[in-house]
């Protein structure tokens, strides 16, 4: 897996930060995503993919 693919593959850490920032700014949809665990799920998926990327390479 090309390392440049990782950020967009799972939304990346920046995706989780974006949800949190928008939620902090009061965006109702982003507040719901944060409250339902989406931020944690995005981070977990990114971390798992990062840790196992050698297994995912062809």
C-alpha atoms as a PDB file:
ATOM      1  CA  UNK A   1       0.000   0.000   0.000  1.00  0.00           C
ATOM      2  CA  UNK A   2       1.358   3.345  -1.000  1.00  0.00           C
ATOM      3  CA  UNK A   3       1.689   5.506   2.116  1.00  0.00           C
ATOM      4  CA  UNK A   4      -0.045   8.356   0.323  1.00  0.00           C
ATOM      5  CA  UNK A   5      -3.244   6.274   0.173  1.00  0.00           C
ATOM      6  CA  UNK A   6      -3.586   5.914   3.926  1.00  0.00           C
ATOM      7  CA  UNK A   7      -4.974   9.386   4.693  1.00  0.00           C
ATOM      8  CA  UNK A   8      -7.931   9.046   2.357  1.00  0.00           C
ATOM      9  CA  UNK A   9      -8.489   5.323   2.883  1.00  0.00           C
ATOM     10  CA  UNK A  10     -10.003   5.677   6.340  1.00  0.00           C
ATOM     11  CA  UNK A  11     -10.570   9.375   6.544  1.00  0.00           C
ATOM     12  CA  UNK A  12      -7.350   9.551   8.469  1.00  0.00           C
ATOM     13  CA  UNK A  13      -6.614  11.410  11.612  1.00  0.00           C
ATOM     14  CA  UNK A  14      -7.367  14.629   9.770  1.00  0.00           C
ATOM     15  CA  UNK A  15     -10.879  13.357   9.032  1.00  0.00           C
ATOM     16  CA  UNK A  16     -11.489  12.739  12.723  1.00  0.00           C
ATOM     17  CA  UNK A  17     -10.070  16.167  13.542  1.00  0.00           C
ATOM     18  CA  UNK A  18     -12.330  17.722  10.921  1.00  0.00           C
ATOM     19  CA  UNK A  19     -15.413  16.125  12.447  1.00  0.00           C
ATOM     20  CA  UNK A  20     -14.359  17.292  15.904  1.00  0.00           C
ATOM     21  CA  UNK A  21     -13.634  20.832  14.724  1.00  0.00           C
ATOM     22  CA  UNK A  22     -16.983  21.119  12.973  1.00  0.00           C
ATOM     23  CA  UNK A  23     -18.748  19.668  16.026  1.00  0.00           C
ATOM     24  CA  UNK A  24     -16.958  22.179  18.258  1.00  0.00           C
ATOM     25  CA  UNK A  25     -18.194  24.910  15.889  1.00  0.00           C
ATOM     26  CA  UNK A  26     -21.751  23.705  16.412  1.00  0.00           C
ATOM     27  CA  UNK A  27     -22.475  21.792  13.200  1.00  0.00           C
ATOM     28  CA  UNK A  28     -25.380  19.534  14.276  1.00  0.00           C
ATOM     29  CA  UNK A  29     -24.490  16.711  11.888  1.00  0.00           C
ATOM     30  CA  UNK A  30     -20.893  16.651  13.097  1.00  0.00           C
ATOM     31  CA  UNK A  31     -22.041  16.753  16.732  1.00  0.00           C
ATOM     32  CA  UNK A  32     -24.147  13.639  16.032  1.00  0.00           C
ATOM     33  CA  UNK A  33     -21.201  11.909  14.346  1.00  0.00           C
ATOM     34  CA  UNK A  34     -18.995  12.638  17.336  1.00  0.00           C
ATOM     35  CA  UNK A  35     -21.663  11.508  19.784  1.00  0.00           C
ATOM     36  CA  UNK A  36     -22.302   8.235  17.968  1.00  0.00           C
ATOM     37  CA  UNK A  37     -18.646   7.199  18.031  1.00  0.00           C
ATOM     38  CA  UNK A  38     -17.713   7.971  14.436  1.00  0.00           C
ATOM     39  CA  UNK A  39     -14.570   9.893  15.431  1.00  0.00           C
ATOM     40  CA  UNK A  40     -13.304   6.916  17.423  1.00  0.00           C
ATOM     41  CA  UNK A  41     -14.192   4.533  14.596  1.00  0.00           C
ATOM     42  CA  UNK A  42     -12.331   6.634  12.013  1.00  0.00           C
ATOM     43  CA  UNK A  43      -9.262   6.780  14.243  1.00  0.00           C
ATOM     44  CA  UNK A  44      -9.390   3.050  14.953  1.00  0.00           C
ATOM     45  CA  UNK A  45      -9.707   2.192  11.250  1.00  0.00           C
ATOM     46  CA  UNK A  46      -6.831   4.511  10.367  1.00  0.00           C
ATOM     47  CA  UNK A  47      -4.628   3.100  13.133  1.00  0.00           C
ATOM     48  CA  UNK A  48      -5.396  -0.521  12.213  1.00  0.00           C
ATOM     49  CA  UNK A  49      -4.692   0.116   8.546  1.00  0.00           C
ATOM     50  CA  UNK A  50      -1.481   1.914   9.380  1.00  0.00           C
ATOM     51  CA  UNK A  51      -0.308  -0.891  11.652  1.00  0.00           C
ATOM     52  CA  UNK A  52      -1.171  -3.615   9.124  1.00  0.00           C
ATOM     53  CA  UNK A  53      -0.301  -1.882   5.893  1.00  0.00           C
ATOM     54  CA  UNK A  54       2.471  -4.377   5.049  1.00  0.00           C
ATOM     55  CA  UNK A  55      -0.130  -7.154   5.124  1.00  0.00           C
ATOM     56  CA  UNK A  56      -2.341  -5.165   2.784  1.00  0.00           C
ATOM     57  CA  UNK A  57       0.305  -4.604   0.143  1.00  0.00           C
ATOM     58  CA  UNK A  58       0.094  -6.800  -2.942  1.00  0.00           C
END
